[in-house]
Structures are given as C-alpha cells and as structure tokens.
N, C-alpha and C. Protein backbone atom coordinates (compact mmCIF):
# COMPACT_ATOMS: atom_id res chain seq x y z
N LYS A 1 0.82 -1.20 0.00
CA LYS A 1 0.00 0.00 0.00
C LYS A 1 0.87 1.26 0.00
N GLN A 2 1.93 1.29 0.82
CA GLN A 2 2.80 2.47 0.86
C GLN A 2 3.48 2.70 -0.49
N TRP A 3 3.91 1.61 -1.13
CA TRP A 3 4.55 1.73 -2.43
C TRP A 3 3.60 2.39 -3.41
N TYR A 4 2.35 1.93 -3.43
CA TYR A 4 1.34 2.46 -4.33
C TYR A 4 1.09 3.95 -4.06
N GLN A 5 0.94 4.31 -2.78
CA GLN A 5 0.70 5.70 -2.42
C GLN A 5 1.86 6.59 -2.83
N ARG A 6 3.09 6.08 -2.64
CA ARG A 6 4.28 6.85 -3.02
C ARG A 6 4.31 7.07 -4.52
N ARG A 7 3.99 6.02 -5.30
CA ARG A 7 4.01 6.13 -6.77
C ARG A 7 2.93 7.09 -7.26
N VAL A 8 1.74 7.02 -6.67
CA VAL A 8 0.67 7.93 -7.06
C VAL A 8 1.07 9.36 -6.76
N LYS A 9 1.67 9.59 -5.59
CA LYS A 9 2.11 10.93 -5.21
C LYS A 9 3.17 11.45 -6.19
N GLN A 10 4.15 10.59 -6.54
CA GLN A 10 5.19 11.00 -7.48
C GLN A 10 4.59 11.33 -8.85
N TRP A 11 3.68 10.51 -9.32
CA TRP A 11 3.03 10.73 -10.60
C TRP A 11 2.28 12.05 -10.58
N TYR A 12 1.51 12.27 -9.51
CA TYR A 12 0.71 13.49 -9.38
C TYR A 12 1.60 14.72 -9.36
N GLN A 13 2.68 14.67 -8.59
CA GLN A 13 3.57 15.82 -8.49
C GLN A 13 4.22 16.14 -9.84
N ARG A 14 4.65 15.11 -10.57
CA ARG A 14 5.25 15.35 -11.89
C ARG A 14 4.21 15.92 -12.85
N ARG A 15 3.00 15.39 -12.79
CA ARG A 15 1.96 15.85 -13.69
C ARG A 15 1.59 17.30 -13.39
N VAL A 16 1.42 17.62 -12.13
CA VAL A 16 1.06 18.98 -11.75
C VAL A 16 2.16 19.95 -12.15
N ARG A 17 3.42 19.60 -11.88
CA ARG A 17 4.54 20.47 -12.23
C ARG A 17 4.57 20.72 -13.74
N GLY A 18 4.45 19.66 -14.52
CA GLY A 18 4.45 19.80 -15.97
C GLY A 18 3.28 20.63 -16.46
N HIS A 19 2.12 20.39 -15.89
CA HIS A 19 0.93 21.15 -16.27
C HIS A 19 1.10 22.64 -15.96
N LEU A 20 1.59 22.94 -14.76
CA LEU A 20 1.78 24.35 -14.39
C LEU A 20 2.83 25.03 -15.26
N LYS A 21 3.87 24.33 -15.64
CA LYS A 21 4.85 24.93 -16.55
C LYS A 21 4.19 25.31 -17.87
N MET A 22 3.31 24.44 -18.36
CA MET A 22 2.59 24.76 -19.59
C MET A 22 1.63 25.94 -19.38
N VAL A 23 0.98 26.00 -18.24
CA VAL A 23 0.09 27.13 -17.92
C VAL A 23 0.89 28.42 -17.89
N PHE A 24 2.06 28.42 -17.27
CA PHE A 24 2.90 29.63 -17.20
C PHE A 24 3.33 30.07 -18.60
N ALA A 25 3.70 29.11 -19.45
CA ALA A 25 4.12 29.44 -20.82
C ALA A 25 2.94 30.02 -21.60
N GLU A 26 1.77 29.43 -21.46
CA GLU A 26 0.59 29.93 -22.17
C GLU A 26 0.19 31.31 -21.65
N TYR A 27 0.30 31.51 -20.36
CA TYR A 27 0.01 32.82 -19.78
C TYR A 27 0.92 33.89 -20.39
N LYS A 28 2.20 33.56 -20.50
CA LYS A 28 3.15 34.51 -21.08
C LYS A 28 2.81 34.80 -22.53
N ARG A 29 2.37 33.77 -23.26
CA ARG A 29 2.01 33.96 -24.66
C ARG A 29 0.79 34.87 -24.79
N ILE A 30 -0.21 34.63 -23.95
CA ILE A 30 -1.45 35.38 -24.05
C ILE A 30 -1.30 36.79 -23.47
N ALA A 31 -0.67 36.90 -22.32
CA ALA A 31 -0.58 38.19 -21.63
C ALA A 31 0.63 39.02 -22.04
N SER A 32 1.54 38.43 -22.80
CA SER A 32 2.80 39.09 -23.18
C SER A 32 3.57 39.56 -21.96
N GLU A 33 3.44 38.79 -20.87
CA GLU A 33 4.11 39.15 -19.62
C GLU A 33 4.28 37.88 -18.79
N ASP A 34 5.40 37.78 -18.13
CA ASP A 34 5.65 36.63 -17.28
C ASP A 34 4.70 36.63 -16.09
N ILE A 35 4.29 35.47 -15.66
CA ILE A 35 3.34 35.38 -14.55
C ILE A 35 3.91 35.96 -13.25
N GLU A 36 5.22 35.86 -13.06
CA GLU A 36 5.83 36.45 -11.86
C GLU A 36 5.63 37.97 -11.84
N LYS A 37 5.80 38.60 -12.98
CA LYS A 37 5.61 40.05 -13.06
C LYS A 37 4.17 40.41 -12.75
N SER A 38 3.23 39.64 -13.26
CA SER A 38 1.81 39.90 -12.98
C SER A 38 1.50 39.74 -11.50
N ILE A 39 2.05 38.71 -10.89
CA ILE A 39 1.83 38.49 -9.46
C ILE A 39 2.35 39.69 -8.66
N LYS A 40 3.53 40.17 -9.03
CA LYS A 40 4.13 41.30 -8.32
C LYS A 40 3.30 42.58 -8.46
N THR A 41 2.66 42.76 -9.61
CA THR A 41 1.87 43.98 -9.80
C THR A 41 0.45 43.85 -9.27
N GLU A 42 -0.07 42.64 -9.17
CA GLU A 42 -1.46 42.45 -8.77
C GLU A 42 -1.65 42.05 -7.31
N MET A 43 -0.60 41.60 -6.65
CA MET A 43 -0.74 41.10 -5.28
C MET A 43 0.26 41.78 -4.36
N THR A 44 0.00 41.66 -3.05
CA THR A 44 0.91 42.20 -2.05
C THR A 44 0.95 41.25 -0.86
N GLY A 45 1.93 41.46 -0.01
CA GLY A 45 1.99 40.76 1.26
C GLY A 45 2.26 39.26 1.14
N ASP A 46 1.71 38.53 2.10
CA ASP A 46 1.96 37.09 2.18
C ASP A 46 1.42 36.33 0.98
N ILE A 47 0.29 36.76 0.44
CA ILE A 47 -0.27 36.06 -0.72
C ILE A 47 0.66 36.18 -1.92
N GLU A 48 1.25 37.38 -2.08
CA GLU A 48 2.22 37.58 -3.16
C GLU A 48 3.43 36.67 -2.96
N LEU A 49 3.97 36.66 -1.75
CA LEU A 49 5.14 35.82 -1.46
C LEU A 49 4.82 34.34 -1.68
N GLY A 50 3.64 33.92 -1.27
CA GLY A 50 3.24 32.52 -1.45
C GLY A 50 3.16 32.13 -2.92
N PHE A 51 2.47 32.95 -3.71
CA PHE A 51 2.35 32.65 -5.13
C PHE A 51 3.71 32.69 -5.83
N LEU A 52 4.54 33.68 -5.49
CA LEU A 52 5.87 33.76 -6.11
C LEU A 52 6.71 32.53 -5.76
N SER A 53 6.60 32.07 -4.53
CA SER A 53 7.35 30.87 -4.12
C SER A 53 6.93 29.66 -4.93
N VAL A 54 5.63 29.49 -5.11
CA VAL A 54 5.13 28.35 -5.89
C VAL A 54 5.62 28.44 -7.33
N VAL A 55 5.50 29.61 -7.93
CA VAL A 55 5.90 29.79 -9.33
C VAL A 55 7.41 29.54 -9.48
N LYS A 56 8.21 30.12 -8.61
CA LYS A 56 9.67 29.94 -8.70
C LYS A 56 10.05 28.48 -8.52
N LYS A 57 9.41 27.79 -7.58
CA LYS A 57 9.73 26.38 -7.34
C LYS A 57 9.34 25.53 -8.54
N ILE A 58 8.21 25.81 -9.13
CA ILE A 58 7.76 25.05 -10.30
C ILE A 58 8.68 25.31 -11.49
N LYS A 59 9.05 26.57 -11.71
CA LYS A 59 9.89 26.92 -12.85
C LYS A 59 11.28 26.31 -12.76
N ASN A 60 11.91 26.40 -11.59
CA ASN A 60 13.28 25.90 -11.45
C ASN A 60 13.53 25.57 -9.98
N CYS A 61 13.28 24.34 -9.62
CA CYS A 61 13.36 23.91 -8.22
C CYS A 61 14.76 24.11 -7.62
N PRO A 62 15.85 23.69 -8.29
CA PRO A 62 17.17 23.91 -7.69
C PRO A 62 17.50 25.39 -7.46
N THR A 63 17.13 26.25 -8.39
CA THR A 63 17.38 27.68 -8.22
C THR A 63 16.57 28.23 -7.05
N TYR A 64 15.33 27.79 -6.95
CA TYR A 64 14.49 28.23 -5.83
C TYR A 64 15.14 27.90 -4.49
N PHE A 65 15.60 26.66 -4.34
CA PHE A 65 16.19 26.26 -3.07
C PHE A 65 17.57 26.91 -2.85
N ALA A 66 18.33 27.15 -3.93
CA ALA A 66 19.60 27.87 -3.80
C ALA A 66 19.34 29.27 -3.24
N GLU A 67 18.32 29.94 -3.75
CA GLU A 67 17.98 31.27 -3.26
C GLU A 67 17.54 31.23 -1.80
N GLU A 68 16.76 30.22 -1.43
CA GLU A 68 16.31 30.09 -0.05
C GLU A 68 17.48 29.80 0.90
N LEU A 69 18.43 28.99 0.45
CA LEU A 69 19.62 28.73 1.26
C LEU A 69 20.43 30.02 1.45
N TYR A 70 20.58 30.78 0.38
CA TYR A 70 21.31 32.04 0.48
C TYR A 70 20.63 32.97 1.49
N LYS A 71 19.29 33.09 1.38
CA LYS A 71 18.55 33.95 2.32
C LYS A 71 18.75 33.50 3.76
N SER A 72 18.87 32.19 3.97
CA SER A 72 19.02 31.68 5.34
C SER A 72 20.38 32.03 5.94
N MET A 73 21.37 32.37 5.07
CA MET A 73 22.71 32.63 5.57
C MET A 73 23.18 34.07 5.39
N LYS A 74 22.51 34.86 4.56
CA LYS A 74 23.00 36.22 4.29
C LYS A 74 22.79 37.13 5.50
N GLY A 75 23.60 38.16 5.56
CA GLY A 75 23.46 39.14 6.62
C GLY A 75 23.90 38.61 7.98
N LEU A 76 23.50 39.32 9.01
CA LEU A 76 23.86 38.93 10.37
C LEU A 76 22.99 37.76 10.81
N GLY A 77 23.64 36.77 11.39
CA GLY A 77 22.90 35.61 11.88
C GLY A 77 22.51 34.65 10.78
N THR A 78 22.15 33.46 11.19
CA THR A 78 21.77 32.41 10.26
C THR A 78 20.42 31.87 10.69
N ASP A 79 19.56 31.61 9.73
CA ASP A 79 18.30 30.94 10.02
C ASP A 79 18.59 29.44 10.02
N ASP A 80 19.06 28.95 11.17
CA ASP A 80 19.48 27.55 11.29
C ASP A 80 18.38 26.58 10.89
N ASP A 81 17.16 26.85 11.31
CA ASP A 81 16.05 25.94 11.00
C ASP A 81 15.84 25.80 9.50
N GLN A 82 15.86 26.92 8.80
CA GLN A 82 15.68 26.90 7.34
C GLN A 82 16.85 26.19 6.66
N LEU A 83 18.04 26.49 7.11
CA LEU A 83 19.25 25.89 6.54
C LEU A 83 19.21 24.36 6.70
N ILE A 84 18.91 23.89 7.90
CA ILE A 84 18.83 22.45 8.16
C ILE A 84 17.70 21.83 7.35
N ARG A 85 16.53 22.47 7.38
CA ARG A 85 15.36 21.93 6.70
C ARG A 85 15.64 21.67 5.22
N ILE A 86 16.20 22.65 4.56
CA ILE A 86 16.45 22.51 3.12
C ILE A 86 17.53 21.47 2.85
N ILE A 87 18.65 21.56 3.55
CA ILE A 87 19.76 20.64 3.26
C ILE A 87 19.37 19.20 3.54
N VAL A 88 18.74 18.95 4.66
CA VAL A 88 18.36 17.57 4.98
C VAL A 88 17.27 17.08 4.05
N TRP A 89 16.25 17.90 3.82
CA TRP A 89 15.13 17.51 2.99
C TRP A 89 15.56 17.21 1.55
N ARG A 90 16.42 18.05 1.00
CA ARG A 90 16.80 17.92 -0.41
C ARG A 90 18.04 17.04 -0.62
N SER A 91 18.65 16.56 0.46
CA SER A 91 19.93 15.84 0.35
C SER A 91 19.84 14.60 -0.54
N GLU A 92 18.71 13.93 -0.56
CA GLU A 92 18.58 12.72 -1.38
C GLU A 92 17.73 12.97 -2.62
N ILE A 93 17.39 14.22 -2.86
CA ILE A 93 16.53 14.52 -4.00
C ILE A 93 17.30 15.25 -5.09
N ASP A 94 17.77 16.46 -4.78
CA ASP A 94 18.41 17.28 -5.81
C ASP A 94 19.47 18.23 -5.26
N LEU A 95 20.11 17.84 -4.17
CA LEU A 95 21.11 18.73 -3.56
C LEU A 95 22.27 19.02 -4.51
N VAL A 96 22.64 18.07 -5.34
CA VAL A 96 23.73 18.30 -6.30
C VAL A 96 23.35 19.43 -7.25
N GLU A 97 22.10 19.41 -7.75
CA GLU A 97 21.64 20.47 -8.65
C GLU A 97 21.54 21.81 -7.91
N ILE A 98 21.10 21.77 -6.66
CA ILE A 98 21.01 22.99 -5.85
C ILE A 98 22.39 23.60 -5.66
N LYS A 99 23.39 22.77 -5.39
CA LYS A 99 24.76 23.26 -5.23
C LYS A 99 25.24 23.94 -6.51
N GLY A 100 24.92 23.36 -7.65
CA GLY A 100 25.30 23.96 -8.93
C GLY A 100 24.62 25.30 -9.16
N ALA A 101 23.33 25.35 -8.84
CA ALA A 101 22.59 26.61 -8.99
C ALA A 101 23.13 27.67 -8.04
N PHE A 102 23.47 27.26 -6.82
CA PHE A 102 24.02 28.19 -5.83
C PHE A 102 25.32 28.79 -6.34
N GLN A 103 26.20 27.95 -6.86
CA GLN A 103 27.49 28.40 -7.40
C GLN A 103 27.26 29.39 -8.55
N SER A 104 26.32 29.08 -9.43
CA SER A 104 26.04 29.95 -10.57
C SER A 104 25.48 31.30 -10.14
N LEU A 105 24.60 31.27 -9.15
CA LEU A 105 23.96 32.51 -8.71
C LEU A 105 24.88 33.41 -7.90
N TYR A 106 25.72 32.81 -7.04
CA TYR A 106 26.46 33.61 -6.05
C TYR A 106 27.98 33.54 -6.21
N ALA A 107 28.46 32.85 -7.25
CA ALA A 107 29.90 32.75 -7.54
C ALA A 107 30.71 32.29 -6.33
N LYS A 108 30.10 31.52 -5.48
CA LYS A 108 30.74 30.95 -4.31
C LYS A 108 30.00 29.65 -4.01
N SER A 109 30.73 28.64 -3.59
CA SER A 109 30.06 27.36 -3.36
C SER A 109 29.21 27.38 -2.09
N LEU A 110 28.24 26.50 -2.07
CA LEU A 110 27.40 26.36 -0.88
C LEU A 110 28.26 25.99 0.32
N SER A 111 29.24 25.12 0.11
CA SER A 111 30.14 24.72 1.20
C SER A 111 30.90 25.91 1.77
N GLU A 112 31.37 26.80 0.89
CA GLU A 112 32.08 27.99 1.36
C GLU A 112 31.17 28.88 2.20
N PHE A 113 29.93 29.05 1.75
CA PHE A 113 28.98 29.85 2.53
C PHE A 113 28.75 29.23 3.89
N ILE A 114 28.59 27.92 3.92
CA ILE A 114 28.35 27.22 5.19
C ILE A 114 29.55 27.38 6.11
N LYS A 115 30.77 27.24 5.55
CA LYS A 115 31.99 27.41 6.36
C LYS A 115 32.06 28.81 6.96
N ASP A 116 31.68 29.82 6.17
CA ASP A 116 31.76 31.20 6.63
C ASP A 116 30.66 31.56 7.63
N ASP A 117 29.57 30.84 7.60
CA ASP A 117 28.39 31.27 8.34
C ASP A 117 28.04 30.40 9.55
N THR A 118 28.69 29.26 9.68
CA THR A 118 28.37 28.35 10.79
C THR A 118 29.65 27.97 11.51
N SER A 119 29.50 27.22 12.60
CA SER A 119 30.68 26.80 13.35
C SER A 119 30.43 25.48 14.07
N GLY A 120 31.51 24.90 14.57
CA GLY A 120 31.45 23.72 15.42
C GLY A 120 30.87 22.48 14.75
N ASP A 121 30.22 21.66 15.58
CA ASP A 121 29.63 20.42 15.09
C ASP A 121 28.55 20.67 14.06
N PHE A 122 27.82 21.77 14.21
CA PHE A 122 26.78 22.14 13.26
C PHE A 122 27.38 22.29 11.87
N ARG A 123 28.49 23.04 11.77
CA ARG A 123 29.18 23.22 10.49
C ARG A 123 29.65 21.88 9.94
N THR A 124 30.27 21.08 10.80
CA THR A 124 30.80 19.79 10.38
C THR A 124 29.70 18.91 9.79
N LEU A 125 28.58 18.84 10.48
CA LEU A 125 27.46 18.01 10.03
C LEU A 125 26.91 18.50 8.69
N LEU A 126 26.68 19.81 8.57
CA LEU A 126 26.16 20.34 7.32
C LEU A 126 27.12 20.08 6.16
N LEU A 127 28.42 20.26 6.40
CA LEU A 127 29.40 20.03 5.34
C LEU A 127 29.46 18.56 4.94
N LEU A 128 29.26 17.66 5.89
CA LEU A 128 29.22 16.23 5.57
C LEU A 128 28.01 15.91 4.67
N ILE A 129 26.89 16.50 4.98
CA ILE A 129 25.70 16.25 4.17
C ILE A 129 25.86 16.86 2.78
N VAL A 130 26.36 18.09 2.72
CA VAL A 130 26.51 18.79 1.45
C VAL A 130 27.56 18.12 0.57
N GLY A 131 28.59 17.58 1.21
CA GLY A 131 29.63 16.85 0.47
C GLY A 131 30.70 17.70 -0.13
C-alpha cells in the first residue's frame, strides 16, 4: 500500500509540475508578460510571497532552493532551521543540482557559505551532508 501511495504521489507531483509549466508558458504567450511580473503587480503581502514561491519552485526547483539557502545565511545571523530543513530535505533529491545553482547565482560554493556562516559540530554536520 505504501509503495502504491508513493508512486501515485510522485506521478501526481510530476503531472502537476508539468501542467503548471505549460500554464505559465501559455500565460506569457497570451498576456505578453511573465506570470511572476503579474503576481508582483497584482498582489501584495503574504499572498504575493506565497504565489511567487510556488511559481519559482515550479519553474526551477534547484534555483528556488539555492535562493532560499542564500537567504538563510546572508546578513547577520543564520536561520538555522531553514538551513537544516532545506539541506536535509533535499539531500537525497536534488542537492547536487542545488549546489550547482548556488554556485552559478552567487559565484561561491554552498560549502564555502556554510563554512563562513556556521561553526562547530553544526558546520561539520552540514558540510558532511553537502559533500
């Protein structure tokens, strides 16, 4: 039963992602404007952030998570919960692609950011997972 549920969930997620990518492309064709731009001009606050997050994740999942990792470490302090959540959650899914996107976006490796922003056993553990 678990195998079946997992397969149905994977199928559904792939289908929804593919469908939404086609919807975004058709929206751009019809509206002559990217859906992200429309969301930014038509919405505000949490609803805007929520919709933008969904669109960004659907369009390019590794880039979305690279940006979220960067946000968790930029500036003073680190959002440890967000950093752990993303690295552990994505470690067996697409962390290699996320690392590549991070390098492309920020011209510095994810490992370098982690080294600069964390310390002790926490740093060691994150670096072991990131590889």
